[in-house]
């Protein structure tokens, strides 16, 4: 799910950059790209995957 959010942010950043739209500093293509990279890093680390390391999801 985090990877989908990152993809959406990358598309928005690309559109802003491609159309050369002037935006506030918070919504600049670079800041959106960095947030997207942070979401991809969290996705790669397994955040939000629902996996539990304590064995809580085992079937008995």
PDB file of N, CA and C in Angstrom:
ATOM      1  N   UNK A   1       0.820  -1.187   0.000  1.00  0.00           N
ATOM      2  CA  UNK A   1       0.000   0.000   0.000  1.00  0.00           C
ATOM      3  C   UNK A   1       0.872   1.262   0.000  1.00  0.00           C
ATOM      4  N   UNK A   2       1.982   1.203   0.708  1.00  0.00           N
ATOM      5  CA  UNK A   2       2.879   2.364   0.736  1.00  0.00           C
ATOM      6  C   UNK A   2       3.497   2.607  -0.632  1.00  0.00           C
ATOM      7  N   UNK A   3       3.736   1.528  -1.381  1.00  0.00           N
ATOM      8  CA  UNK A   3       4.316   1.684  -2.717  1.00  0.00           C
ATOM      9  C   UNK A   3       3.339   2.389  -3.652  1.00  0.00           C
ATOM     10  N   UNK A   4       2.044   2.131  -3.515  1.00  0.00           N
ATOM     11  CA  UNK A   4       1.052   2.836  -4.333  1.00  0.00           C
ATOM     12  C   UNK A   4       1.039   4.323  -4.000  1.00  0.00           C
ATOM     13  N   UNK A   5       1.129   4.640  -2.725  1.00  0.00           N
ATOM     14  CA  UNK A   5       1.194   6.048  -2.316  1.00  0.00           C
ATOM     15  C   UNK A   5       2.430   6.733  -2.875  1.00  0.00           C
ATOM     16  N   UNK A   6       3.550   6.021  -2.867  1.00  0.00           N
ATOM     17  CA  UNK A   6       4.782   6.575  -3.435  1.00  0.00           C
ATOM     18  C   UNK A   6       4.631   6.806  -4.928  1.00  0.00           C
ATOM     19  N   UNK A   7       4.008   5.868  -5.621  1.00  0.00           N
ATOM     20  CA  UNK A   7       3.811   6.014  -7.070  1.00  0.00           C
ATOM     21  C   UNK A   7       2.942   7.232  -7.384  1.00  0.00           C
ATOM     22  N   UNK A   8       1.904   7.441  -6.599  1.00  0.00           N
ATOM     23  CA  UNK A   8       1.038   8.603  -6.808  1.00  0.00           C
ATOM     24  C   UNK A   8       1.819   9.898  -6.595  1.00  0.00           C
ATOM     25  N   UNK A   9       2.637   9.940  -5.555  1.00  0.00           N
ATOM     26  CA  UNK A   9       3.436  11.142  -5.303  1.00  0.00           C
ATOM     27  C   UNK A   9       4.437  11.393  -6.424  1.00  0.00           C
ATOM     28  N   UNK A  10       5.032  10.324  -6.962  1.00  0.00           N
ATOM     29  CA  UNK A  10       5.971  10.485  -8.068  1.00  0.00           C
ATOM     30  C   UNK A  10       5.271  11.037  -9.309  1.00  0.00           C
ATOM     31  N   UNK A  11       4.054  10.566  -9.574  1.00  0.00           N
ATOM     32  CA  UNK A  11       3.305  11.066 -10.735  1.00  0.00           C
ATOM     33  C   UNK A  11       2.961  12.541 -10.551  1.00  0.00           C
ATOM     34  N   UNK A  12       2.520  12.907  -9.363  1.00  0.00           N
ATOM     35  CA  UNK A  12       2.190  14.317  -9.097  1.00  0.00           C
ATOM     36  C   UNK A  12       3.432  15.188  -9.237  1.00  0.00           C
ATOM     37  N   UNK A  13       4.566  14.721  -8.693  1.00  0.00           N
ATOM     38  CA  UNK A  13       5.812  15.484  -8.808  1.00  0.00           C
ATOM     39  C   UNK A  13       6.234  15.616 -10.260  1.00  0.00           C
ATOM     40  N   UNK A  14       6.064  14.559 -11.045  1.00  0.00           N
ATOM     41  CA  UNK A  14       6.420  14.616 -12.463  1.00  0.00           C
ATOM     42  C   UNK A  14       5.550  15.608 -13.216  1.00  0.00           C
ATOM     43  N   UNK A  15       4.256  15.593 -12.948  1.00  0.00           N
ATOM     44  CA  UNK A  15       3.350  16.514 -13.637  1.00  0.00           C
ATOM     45  C   UNK A  15       3.678  17.960 -13.277  1.00  0.00           C
ATOM     46  N   UNK A  16       3.944  18.215 -12.007  1.00  0.00           N
ATOM     47  CA  UNK A  16       4.303  19.579 -11.591  1.00  0.00           C
ATOM     48  C   UNK A  16       5.593  20.017 -12.272  1.00  0.00           C
ATOM     49  N   UNK A  17       6.561  19.108 -12.343  1.00  0.00           N
ATOM     50  CA  UNK A  17       7.842  19.446 -12.960  1.00  0.00           C
ATOM     51  C   UNK A  17       7.700  19.606 -14.476  1.00  0.00           C
ATOM     52  N   UNK A  18       6.929  18.728 -15.111  1.00  0.00           N
ATOM     53  CA  UNK A  18       6.786  18.769 -16.569  1.00  0.00           C
ATOM     54  C   UNK A  18       6.030  20.004 -17.040  1.00  0.00           C
ATOM     55  N   UNK A  19       5.053  20.428 -16.269  1.00  0.00           N
ATOM     56  CA  UNK A  19       4.275  21.598 -16.668  1.00  0.00           C
ATOM     57  C   UNK A  19       4.882  22.895 -16.161  1.00  0.00           C
ATOM     58  N   UNK A  20       5.956  22.780 -15.387  1.00  0.00           N
ATOM     59  CA  UNK A  20       6.647  23.936 -14.818  1.00  0.00           C
ATOM     60  C   UNK A  20       5.693  24.851 -14.046  1.00  0.00           C
ATOM     61  N   UNK A  21       4.794  24.214 -13.307  1.00  0.00           N
ATOM     62  CA  UNK A  21       3.839  24.939 -12.483  1.00  0.00           C
ATOM     63  C   UNK A  21       4.559  25.505 -11.264  1.00  0.00           C
ATOM     64  N   UNK A  22       4.316  26.773 -10.977  1.00  0.00           N
ATOM     65  CA  UNK A  22       4.934  27.350  -9.780  1.00  0.00           C
ATOM     66  C   UNK A  22       4.057  26.993  -8.588  1.00  0.00           C
ATOM     67  N   UNK A  23       4.676  26.396  -7.571  1.00  0.00           N
ATOM     68  CA  UNK A  23       3.950  25.949  -6.384  1.00  0.00           C
ATOM     69  C   UNK A  23       4.657  26.452  -5.140  1.00  0.00           C
ATOM     70  N   UNK A  24       4.034  26.232  -4.013  1.00  0.00           N
ATOM     71  CA  UNK A  24       4.658  26.565  -2.732  1.00  0.00           C
ATOM     72  C   UNK A  24       5.852  25.644  -2.500  1.00  0.00           C
ATOM     73  N   UNK A  25       6.712  25.998  -1.576  1.00  0.00           N
ATOM     74  CA  UNK A  25       7.914  25.207  -1.293  1.00  0.00           C
ATOM     75  C   UNK A  25       7.567  23.811  -0.773  1.00  0.00           C
ATOM     76  N   UNK A  26       6.444  23.691  -0.065  1.00  0.00           N
ATOM     77  CA  UNK A  26       6.073  22.394   0.498  1.00  0.00           C
ATOM     78  C   UNK A  26       5.677  21.420  -0.604  1.00  0.00           C
ATOM     79  N   UNK A  27       5.069  21.903  -1.656  1.00  0.00           N
ATOM     80  CA  UNK A  27       4.602  21.030  -2.727  1.00  0.00           C
ATOM     81  C   UNK A  27       5.508  21.067  -3.943  1.00  0.00           C
ATOM     82  N   UNK A  28       6.778  21.316  -3.750  1.00  0.00           N
ATOM     83  CA  UNK A  28       7.704  21.314  -4.872  1.00  0.00           C
ATOM     84  C   UNK A  28       7.949  19.869  -5.315  1.00  0.00           C
ATOM     85  N   UNK A  29       8.332  19.677  -6.562  1.00  0.00           N
ATOM     86  CA  UNK A  29       8.592  18.314  -7.033  1.00  0.00           C
ATOM     87  C   UNK A  29       9.667  17.596  -6.213  1.00  0.00           C
ATOM     88  N   UNK A  30      10.656  18.333  -5.747  1.00  0.00           N
ATOM     89  CA  UNK A  30      11.719  17.701  -4.958  1.00  0.00           C
ATOM     90  C   UNK A  30      11.193  17.194  -3.623  1.00  0.00           C
ATOM     91  N   UNK A  31      10.368  17.981  -2.957  1.00  0.00           N
ATOM     92  CA  UNK A  31       9.844  17.534  -1.659  1.00  0.00           C
ATOM     93  C   UNK A  31       8.887  16.355  -1.839  1.00  0.00           C
ATOM     94  N   UNK A  32       8.082  16.365  -2.910  1.00  0.00           N
ATOM     95  CA  UNK A  32       7.198  15.231  -3.164  1.00  0.00           C
ATOM     96  C   UNK A  32       8.007  13.977  -3.483  1.00  0.00           C
ATOM     97  N   UNK A  33       9.118  14.146  -4.216  1.00  0.00           N
ATOM     98  CA  UNK A  33       9.967  13.010  -4.537  1.00  0.00           C
ATOM     99  C   UNK A  33      10.588  12.426  -3.265  1.00  0.00           C
ATOM    100  N   UNK A  34      11.019  13.285  -2.350  1.00  0.00           N
ATOM    101  CA  UNK A  34      11.622  12.795  -1.115  1.00  0.00           C
ATOM    102  C   UNK A  34      10.606  12.063  -0.238  1.00  0.00           C
ATOM    103  N   UNK A  35       9.385  12.555  -0.192  1.00  0.00           N
ATOM    104  CA  UNK A  35       8.343  11.845   0.563  1.00  0.00           C
ATOM    105  C   UNK A  35       8.052  10.497  -0.100  1.00  0.00           C
ATOM    106  N   UNK A  36       8.014  10.474  -1.426  1.00  0.00           N
ATOM    107  CA  UNK A  36       7.813   9.210  -2.140  1.00  0.00           C
ATOM    108  C   UNK A  36       8.927   8.216  -1.871  1.00  0.00           C
ATOM    109  N   UNK A  37      10.156   8.690  -1.825  1.00  0.00           N
ATOM    110  CA  UNK A  37      11.288   7.805  -1.517  1.00  0.00           C
ATOM    111  C   UNK A  37      11.200   7.286  -0.088  1.00  0.00           C
ATOM    112  N   UNK A  38      10.739   8.121   0.832  1.00  0.00           N
ATOM    113  CA  UNK A  38      10.569   7.669   2.212  1.00  0.00           C
ATOM    114  C   UNK A  38       9.489   6.590   2.297  1.00  0.00           C
ATOM    115  N   UNK A  39       8.416   6.750   1.533  1.00  0.00           N
ATOM    116  CA  UNK A  39       7.376   5.717   1.510  1.00  0.00           C
ATOM    117  C   UNK A  39       7.896   4.418   0.908  1.00  0.00           C
ATOM    118  N   UNK A  40       8.711   4.516  -0.146  1.00  0.00           N
ATOM    119  CA  UNK A  40       9.292   3.308  -0.734  1.00  0.00           C
ATOM    120  C   UNK A  40      10.250   2.623   0.235  1.00  0.00           C
ATOM    121  N   UNK A  41      11.006   3.403   0.986  1.00  0.00           N
ATOM    122  CA  UNK A  41      11.909   2.822   1.970  1.00  0.00           C
ATOM    123  C   UNK A  41      11.119   2.108   3.068  1.00  0.00           C
ATOM    124  N   UNK A  42      10.031   2.704   3.511  1.00  0.00           N
ATOM    125  CA  UNK A  42       9.189   2.071   4.527  1.00  0.00           C
ATOM    126  C   UNK A  42       8.565   0.792   3.980  1.00  0.00           C
ATOM    127  N   UNK A  43       8.147   0.814   2.716  1.00  0.00           N
ATOM    128  CA  UNK A  43       7.578  -0.371   2.085  1.00  0.00           C
ATOM    129  C   UNK A  43       8.620  -1.481   1.996  1.00  0.00           C
ATOM    130  N   UNK A  44       9.848  -1.125   1.625  1.00  0.00           N
ATOM    131  CA  UNK A  44      10.924  -2.114   1.516  1.00  0.00           C
ATOM    132  C   UNK A  44      11.303  -2.693   2.877  1.00  0.00           C
ATOM    133  N   UNK A  45      11.152  -1.895   3.916  1.00  0.00           N
ATOM    134  CA  UNK A  45      11.469  -2.362   5.264  1.00  0.00           C
ATOM    135  C   UNK A  45      10.358  -3.231   5.848  1.00  0.00           C
ATOM    136  N   UNK A  46       9.215  -3.286   5.189  1.00  0.00           N
ATOM    137  CA  UNK A  46       8.131  -4.137   5.659  1.00  0.00           C
ATOM    138  C   UNK A  46       7.117  -3.440   6.525  1.00  0.00           C
ATOM    139  N   UNK A  47       7.168  -2.118   6.594  1.00  0.00           N
ATOM    140  CA  UNK A  47       6.199  -1.379   7.404  1.00  0.00           C
ATOM    141  C   UNK A  47       4.825  -1.496   6.750  1.00  0.00           C
ATOM    142  N   UNK A  48       3.836  -1.856   7.524  1.00  0.00           N
ATOM    143  CA  UNK A  48       2.476  -1.947   7.019  1.00  0.00           C
ATOM    144  C   UNK A  48       2.156  -3.236   6.297  1.00  0.00           C
ATOM    145  N   UNK A  49       3.051  -4.221   6.371  1.00  0.00           N
ATOM    146  CA  UNK A  49       2.808  -5.473   5.664  1.00  0.00           C
ATOM    147  C   UNK A  49       1.900  -6.412   6.437  1.00  0.00           C
ATOM    148  N   UNK A  50       1.710  -6.145   7.714  1.00  0.00           N
ATOM    149  CA  UNK A  50       0.845  -6.991   8.516  1.00  0.00           C
ATOM    150  C   UNK A  50       1.553  -8.201   9.086  1.00  0.00           C
ATOM    151  N   UNK A  51       2.841  -8.362   8.823  1.00  0.00           N
ATOM    152  CA  UNK A  51       3.598  -9.495   9.330  1.00  0.00           C
ATOM    153  C   UNK A  51       4.003  -9.239  10.756  1.00  0.00           C
ATOM    154  N   UNK A  52       3.830 -10.226  11.602  1.00  0.00           N
ATOM    155  CA  UNK A  52       4.195 -10.087  13.000  1.00  0.00           C
ATOM    156  C   UNK A  52       5.372 -10.999  13.313  1.00  0.00           C
ATOM    157  N   UNK A  53       6.411 -10.466  13.875  1.00  0.00           N
ATOM    158  CA  UNK A  53       7.585 -11.250  14.211  1.00  0.00           C
ATOM    159  C   UNK A  53       7.455 -12.048  15.488  1.00  0.00           C
ATOM    160  N   UNK A  54       6.402 -11.856  16.221  1.00  0.00           N
ATOM    161  CA  UNK A  54       6.238 -12.530  17.499  1.00  0.00           C
ATOM    162  C   UNK A  54       5.429 -13.819  17.383  1.00  0.00           C
ATOM    163  N   UNK A  55       5.063 -14.186  16.195  1.00  0.00           N
ATOM    164  CA  UNK A  55       4.319 -15.439  16.027  1.00  0.00           C
ATOM    165  C   UNK A  55       2.844 -15.310  16.321  1.00  0.00           C
ATOM    166  N   UNK A  56       2.327 -14.119  16.342  1.00  0.00           N
ATOM    167  CA  UNK A  56       0.915 -13.925  16.641  1.00  0.00           C
ATOM    168  C   UNK A  56      -0.012 -14.380  15.528  1.00  0.00           C
ATOM    169  N   UNK A  57       0.525 -14.549  14.323  1.00  0.00           N
ATOM    170  CA  UNK A  57      -0.321 -14.918  13.209  1.00  0.00           C
ATOM    171  C   UNK A  57      -0.244 -16.394  12.854  1.00  0.00           C
ATOM    172  N   UNK A  58       0.317 -17.232  13.726  1.00  0.00           N
ATOM    173  CA  UNK A  58       0.454 -18.658  13.432  1.00  0.00           C
ATOM    174  C   UNK A  58      -0.882 -19.379  13.563  1.00  0.00           C
ATOM    175  N   UNK A  59      -1.035 -20.373  12.703  1.00  0.00           N
ATOM    176  CA  UNK A  59      -2.223 -21.241  12.834  1.00  0.00           C
ATOM    177  C   UNK A  59      -1.869 -22.400  13.741  1.00  0.00           C
ATOM    178  N   UNK A  60      -2.832 -22.830  14.503  1.00  0.00           N
ATOM    179  CA  UNK A  60      -2.582 -23.969  15.408  1.00  0.00           C
ATOM    180  C   UNK A  60      -3.504 -25.095  15.105  1.00  0.00           C
TER     181      UNK A  60
END
